[in-house]
Amino acid sequence: MALSSSLPQPATAAADRFLTLAGARLRYRDEGRGPAVVLVHGWTLDLGMWDPQVASLAGQFRIVRFDRRGHGLSDGISSTERDAEDLRALCDHLGLREAALVGMSQGARVAAQAAASGMQVWALVLDGPPPLGGGTETEVLLAHYRGLVQERGMAGFRREWARHPLTALRTPDPASQALLDGALARYSGNDLHGTPRAELSDLPERLAKLAVPMLIVGGRHDLPTRVRAADALARQLGAERSVIDGAGHLPNLDCPDAYSELCGQFLGRHAPASHSS
């Protein structure tokens, strides 16, 4: 069964670049100048979710963002381990010796795994992370969504997933909603039928050994399970912890100005004096 047909194209496709790796062709964008910051999106989303942050931060940082496998305009089947490998390969391709990583939700797993696996990282921001390592993520029942795709197709999946607390926005802002709708429309669903590769079971312990500034951020109205996971991870890592009022699980879209300011200030405090540009 075909999981997707013709996917909507982003309005600014002229800025897109592509990197061919084993099993996938990844879309990415590379904007701004300054210390490198790589943005890693969450499940069913793509690089377009970061548009507000690029607009705010590209004058201070070199912002790199990419569509993970099976998301946006990248093909292939996503997994956190493979996505972490792709992240490192993209940085190598761009000649980045070190970068800050900002990972959102499932993208926080990817960023954390890349950092723990030896990538040169000068700061780490984990946004709305699920339990890492040996923890169990219970908010997304993949078996249910696989069945939904088989029964109602991707259109039925997107309608139901758009109402999930991990996806639905609290803001009425049409620009934020348009970014979210566009990303969901481009999600292929390929990973729903894949077999995830295991992440590092000792991931938090390995992160705690890194001499890297870390920030754990999330929305005030995120799911209680995610708030508890973020609180516990901040304690375990000795990381800074910030909560954005008025936001749910997608604070960068619910409150883009507050989110960009928070990340910009944190990254600005810890940015290296010399950088790849």
Protein backbone atom coordinates (compact mmCIF):
# COMPACT_ATOMS: atom_id res chain seq x y z
CA MET A 1 0.00 0.00 0.00
CA ALA A 2 1.38 3.43 -0.88
CA LEU A 3 1.70 5.57 2.22
CA SER A 4 1.91 8.90 0.46
CA SER A 5 1.23 10.40 -2.90
CA SER A 6 2.30 13.84 -4.05
CA LEU A 7 3.43 15.70 -0.97
CA PRO A 8 3.01 19.49 -0.71
CA GLN A 9 6.14 21.43 -1.48
CA PRO A 10 7.44 24.10 0.94
CA ALA A 11 7.07 27.66 -0.22
CA THR A 12 10.81 28.38 -0.08
CA ALA A 13 12.11 25.30 -1.88
CA ALA A 14 14.87 27.37 -3.54
CA ALA A 15 16.76 27.26 -0.22
CA ASP A 16 16.70 23.46 -0.13
CA ARG A 17 19.84 21.38 -0.51
CA PHE A 18 20.15 17.61 -0.60
CA LEU A 19 22.69 15.11 0.71
CA THR A 20 22.68 11.53 -0.55
CA LEU A 21 23.60 8.90 2.03
CA ALA A 22 23.19 5.14 2.17
CA GLY A 23 19.48 4.46 1.90
CA ALA A 24 18.30 8.05 1.86
CA ARG A 25 18.46 11.46 0.24
CA LEU A 26 18.18 14.13 2.93
CA ARG A 27 16.84 17.63 2.51
CA TYR A 28 18.63 20.28 4.54
CA ARG A 29 19.09 24.04 4.80
CA ASP A 30 22.15 25.99 5.91
CA GLU A 31 21.50 29.64 6.83
CA GLY A 32 23.16 32.46 8.74
CA ARG A 33 26.68 32.96 10.07
CA GLY A 34 28.28 32.34 13.42
CA PRO A 35 28.72 29.33 15.71
CA ALA A 36 26.94 26.33 14.19
CA VAL A 37 23.59 25.20 15.61
CA VAL A 38 21.80 22.12 14.24
CA LEU A 39 18.03 21.88 14.76
CA VAL A 40 16.47 18.40 14.88
CA HIS A 41 12.69 18.13 14.51
CA GLY A 42 10.27 15.72 16.16
CA TRP A 43 8.21 12.83 14.81
CA THR A 44 5.93 13.58 11.81
CA LEU A 45 7.41 17.08 11.48
CA ASP A 46 10.19 18.50 9.31
CA LEU A 47 12.66 21.36 9.04
CA GLY A 48 9.85 23.85 8.33
CA MET A 49 8.82 23.76 12.00
CA TRP A 50 11.95 25.80 12.77
CA ASP A 51 11.15 28.75 10.49
CA PRO A 52 10.46 31.17 13.39
CA GLN A 53 13.75 30.27 15.08
CA VAL A 54 15.77 30.67 11.89
CA ALA A 55 14.25 34.11 11.37
CA SER A 56 15.24 35.11 14.91
CA LEU A 57 18.62 33.43 15.30
CA ALA A 58 20.30 33.31 11.87
CA GLY A 59 21.83 36.74 12.46
CA GLN A 60 23.76 35.32 15.42
CA PHE A 61 24.32 31.68 14.51
CA ARG A 62 24.82 29.44 11.51
CA ILE A 63 21.59 27.44 11.55
CA VAL A 64 21.54 23.99 9.96
CA ARG A 65 18.32 21.98 9.86
CA PHE A 66 17.32 18.84 8.00
CA ASP A 67 14.41 16.52 7.33
CA ARG A 68 15.01 13.24 9.11
CA ARG A 69 14.56 10.12 7.00
CA GLY A 70 10.94 9.58 6.01
CA HIS A 71 9.97 13.12 7.01
CA GLY A 72 9.44 16.21 4.90
CA LEU A 73 11.18 15.78 1.57
CA SER A 74 13.70 13.17 2.77
CA ASP A 75 13.16 9.56 1.85
CA GLY A 76 14.21 6.43 3.74
CA ILE A 77 13.01 5.01 7.06
CA SER A 78 13.75 6.90 10.24
CA SER A 79 15.21 5.57 13.50
CA THR A 80 16.98 7.47 16.25
CA GLU A 81 20.27 5.63 15.73
CA ARG A 82 20.24 6.11 11.95
CA ASP A 83 19.15 9.74 12.34
CA ALA A 84 22.05 10.38 14.73
CA GLU A 85 24.41 8.92 12.13
CA ASP A 86 22.83 11.16 9.48
CA LEU A 87 23.26 14.21 11.71
CA ARG A 88 26.97 13.53 12.10
CA ALA A 89 27.32 12.82 8.37
CA LEU A 90 25.63 16.12 7.52
CA CYS A 91 27.96 18.05 9.81
CA ASP A 92 30.95 16.30 8.24
CA HIS A 93 29.62 17.17 4.78
CA LEU A 94 29.36 20.83 5.80
CA GLY A 95 32.79 20.87 7.41
CA LEU A 96 31.46 21.62 10.89
CA ARG A 97 34.03 20.63 13.51
CA GLU A 98 31.56 21.22 16.34
CA ALA A 99 27.99 22.37 16.72
CA ALA A 100 25.27 23.00 19.27
CA LEU A 101 22.32 20.62 18.94
CA VAL A 102 18.69 21.55 19.58
CA GLY A 103 16.46 18.47 19.50
CA MET A 104 12.70 18.52 19.88
CA SER A 105 10.71 15.51 21.24
CA GLN A 106 11.85 12.45 19.26
CA GLY A 107 14.51 14.74 17.82
CA ALA A 108 15.82 15.14 21.38
CA ARG A 109 16.60 11.42 21.34
CA VAL A 110 18.50 11.92 18.08
CA ALA A 111 20.48 14.90 19.38
CA ALA A 112 21.25 13.15 22.67
CA GLN A 113 22.41 10.00 20.93
CA ALA A 114 24.66 11.95 18.55
CA ALA A 115 26.24 13.83 21.46
CA ALA A 116 26.70 10.67 23.51
CA SER A 117 28.26 8.86 20.54
CA GLY A 118 31.19 11.20 20.19
CA MET A 119 29.99 14.10 18.05
CA GLN A 120 31.78 17.33 18.95
CA VAL A 121 29.06 19.40 20.61
CA TRP A 122 29.45 22.79 22.31
CA ALA A 123 25.92 22.94 23.76
CA LEU A 124 22.86 20.71 23.92
CA VAL A 125 19.20 21.77 24.12
CA LEU A 126 16.61 19.02 24.62
CA ASP A 127 13.01 20.16 24.09
CA GLY A 128 10.13 18.04 25.42
CA PRO A 129 12.24 14.87 25.61
CA PRO A 130 10.66 11.48 26.16
CA PRO A 131 12.34 9.15 28.65
CA LEU A 132 15.80 8.43 27.30
CA GLY A 133 17.73 5.20 27.41
CA GLY A 134 15.81 2.49 29.18
CA GLY A 135 12.64 4.56 29.64
CA THR A 136 9.35 3.67 27.99
CA GLU A 137 7.41 6.09 25.84
CA THR A 138 3.69 5.41 26.30
CA GLU A 139 2.03 8.49 24.77
CA VAL A 140 2.33 7.26 21.17
CA LEU A 141 0.92 3.79 20.51
CA LEU A 142 2.57 2.93 17.21
CA ALA A 143 0.60 -0.28 16.77
CA HIS A 144 -2.61 1.74 16.85
CA TYR A 145 -1.34 4.17 14.22
CA ARG A 146 -0.08 1.37 11.99
CA GLY A 147 -3.56 -0.10 12.07
CA LEU A 148 -5.08 3.30 11.41
CA VAL A 149 -2.95 3.75 8.30
CA GLN A 150 -3.95 0.32 7.02
CA GLU A 151 -7.63 1.01 7.69
CA ARG A 152 -8.00 4.68 6.75
CA GLY A 153 -4.80 5.60 4.93
CA MET A 154 -2.48 8.47 5.67
CA ALA A 155 -5.31 10.99 5.52
CA GLY A 156 -7.05 9.21 8.41
CA PHE A 157 -3.80 9.03 10.35
CA ARG A 158 -3.09 12.73 9.89
CA ARG A 159 -6.59 13.74 11.02
CA GLU A 160 -6.31 11.76 14.25
CA TRP A 161 -2.66 12.58 14.97
CA ALA A 162 -3.29 16.30 14.50
CA ARG A 163 -5.61 16.16 17.54
CA HIS A 164 -3.10 14.37 19.78
CA PRO A 165 -1.76 16.45 22.72
CA LEU A 166 1.78 15.97 21.38
CA THR A 167 0.74 17.64 18.12
CA ALA A 168 -2.14 20.05 18.71
CA LEU A 169 -1.17 23.69 19.17
CA ARG A 170 -2.52 25.92 21.92
CA THR A 171 -1.93 29.12 19.95
CA PRO A 172 -4.58 30.35 17.49
CA ASP A 173 -1.87 31.94 15.35
CA PRO A 174 -2.52 30.94 11.72
CA ALA A 175 1.16 31.16 10.74
CA SER A 176 2.16 28.59 13.37
CA GLN A 177 -0.76 26.35 12.39
CA ALA A 178 0.23 26.57 8.73
CA LEU A 179 3.78 25.43 9.53
CA LEU A 180 2.45 22.48 11.49
CA ASP A 181 -0.14 21.53 8.85
CA GLY A 182 2.47 21.66 6.11
CA ALA A 183 4.84 19.37 7.98
CA LEU A 184 2.11 16.83 8.77
CA ALA A 185 1.03 16.82 5.14
CA ARG A 186 4.58 16.01 4.03
CA TYR A 187 5.13 13.17 6.53
CA SER A 188 5.29 9.93 4.55
CA GLY A 189 4.54 7.41 7.30
CA ASN A 190 7.31 5.09 6.11
CA ASP A 191 8.68 4.54 9.60
CA LEU A 192 5.35 3.23 10.86
CA HIS A 193 6.14 -0.01 9.08
CA GLY A 194 9.85 -0.17 9.91
CA THR A 195 11.61 -1.90 12.78
CA PRO A 196 13.21 0.74 15.02
CA ARG A 197 16.88 0.30 15.79
CA ALA A 198 17.65 0.33 19.49
CA GLU A 199 18.94 3.51 21.10
CA LEU A 200 21.69 3.53 23.71
CA SER A 201 20.27 2.06 26.92
CA ASP A 202 22.74 4.05 29.04
CA LEU A 203 22.11 7.31 27.20
CA PRO A 204 21.49 9.57 30.25
CA GLU A 205 24.56 8.22 32.01
CA ARG A 206 26.72 8.89 28.95
CA LEU A 207 25.32 12.41 28.58
CA ALA A 208 26.04 13.14 32.23
CA LYS A 209 29.74 12.51 31.59
CA LEU A 210 29.94 15.19 28.88
CA ALA A 211 31.42 18.56 29.81
CA VAL A 212 28.80 20.34 27.71
CA PRO A 213 26.28 23.04 28.75
CA MET A 214 22.78 21.55 28.59
CA LEU A 215 19.30 23.03 28.70
CA ILE A 216 16.08 21.05 29.10
CA VAL A 217 13.09 23.06 27.88
CA GLY A 218 9.38 22.42 27.43
CA GLY A 219 5.93 23.93 27.50
CA ARG A 220 4.02 24.56 30.70
CA HIS A 221 1.07 22.60 29.29
CA ASP A 222 2.99 19.65 27.86
CA LEU A 223 1.81 16.17 28.82
CA PRO A 224 2.54 15.41 32.50
CA THR A 225 4.64 12.42 31.46
CA ARG A 226 6.89 14.69 29.38
CA VAL A 227 7.15 17.28 32.14
CA ARG A 228 8.22 14.58 34.60
CA ALA A 229 10.69 13.14 32.10
CA ALA A 230 12.20 16.58 31.51
CA ASP A 231 12.45 17.33 35.24
CA ALA A 232 14.11 13.98 35.92
CA LEU A 233 16.55 14.36 33.04
CA ALA A 234 17.55 17.87 34.13
CA ARG A 235 18.32 16.57 37.62
CA GLN A 236 20.28 13.61 36.27
CA LEU A 237 22.34 15.73 33.89
CA GLY A 238 22.73 18.76 36.14
CA ALA A 239 21.24 20.75 33.27
CA GLU A 240 19.44 24.07 33.21
CA ARG A 241 15.65 23.68 33.16
CA SER A 242 13.22 26.18 31.61
CA VAL A 243 9.46 26.06 31.11
CA ILE A 244 7.62 28.26 28.61
CA ASP A 245 4.27 29.56 29.80
CA GLY A 246 1.33 29.27 27.42
CA ALA A 247 2.89 26.45 25.41
CA GLY A 248 2.11 22.78 24.96
CA HIS A 249 4.38 20.16 23.47
CA LEU A 250 5.42 22.42 20.58
CA PRO A 251 6.64 25.56 22.38
CA ASN A 252 8.65 26.76 19.38
CA LEU A 253 5.35 27.15 17.49
CA ASP A 254 3.04 28.01 20.39
CA CYS A 255 5.34 30.78 21.68
CA PRO A 256 7.99 31.28 18.98
CA ASP A 257 9.35 34.59 20.28
CA ALA A 258 9.79 33.35 23.85
CA TYR A 259 11.32 30.10 22.61
CA SER A 260 13.78 31.81 20.28
CA GLU A 261 14.80 34.28 22.97
CA LEU A 262 15.35 31.50 25.51
CA CYS A 263 17.44 29.39 23.16
CA GLY A 264 19.29 32.40 21.80
CA GLN A 265 20.30 33.58 25.27
CA PHE A 266 21.42 30.10 26.36
CA LEU A 267 23.40 29.48 23.19
CA GLY A 268 24.84 32.98 23.25
CA ARG A 269 26.21 32.46 26.76
CA HIS A 270 28.00 29.28 25.77
CA ALA A 271 29.01 29.91 22.14
CA PRO A 272 32.69 29.26 21.39
CA ALA A 273 34.88 32.24 20.56
CA SER A 274 36.01 30.57 17.32
CA HIS A 275 33.68 28.70 15.03
CA SER A 276 33.12 27.08 11.65
CA SER A 277 31.26 29.40 9.28
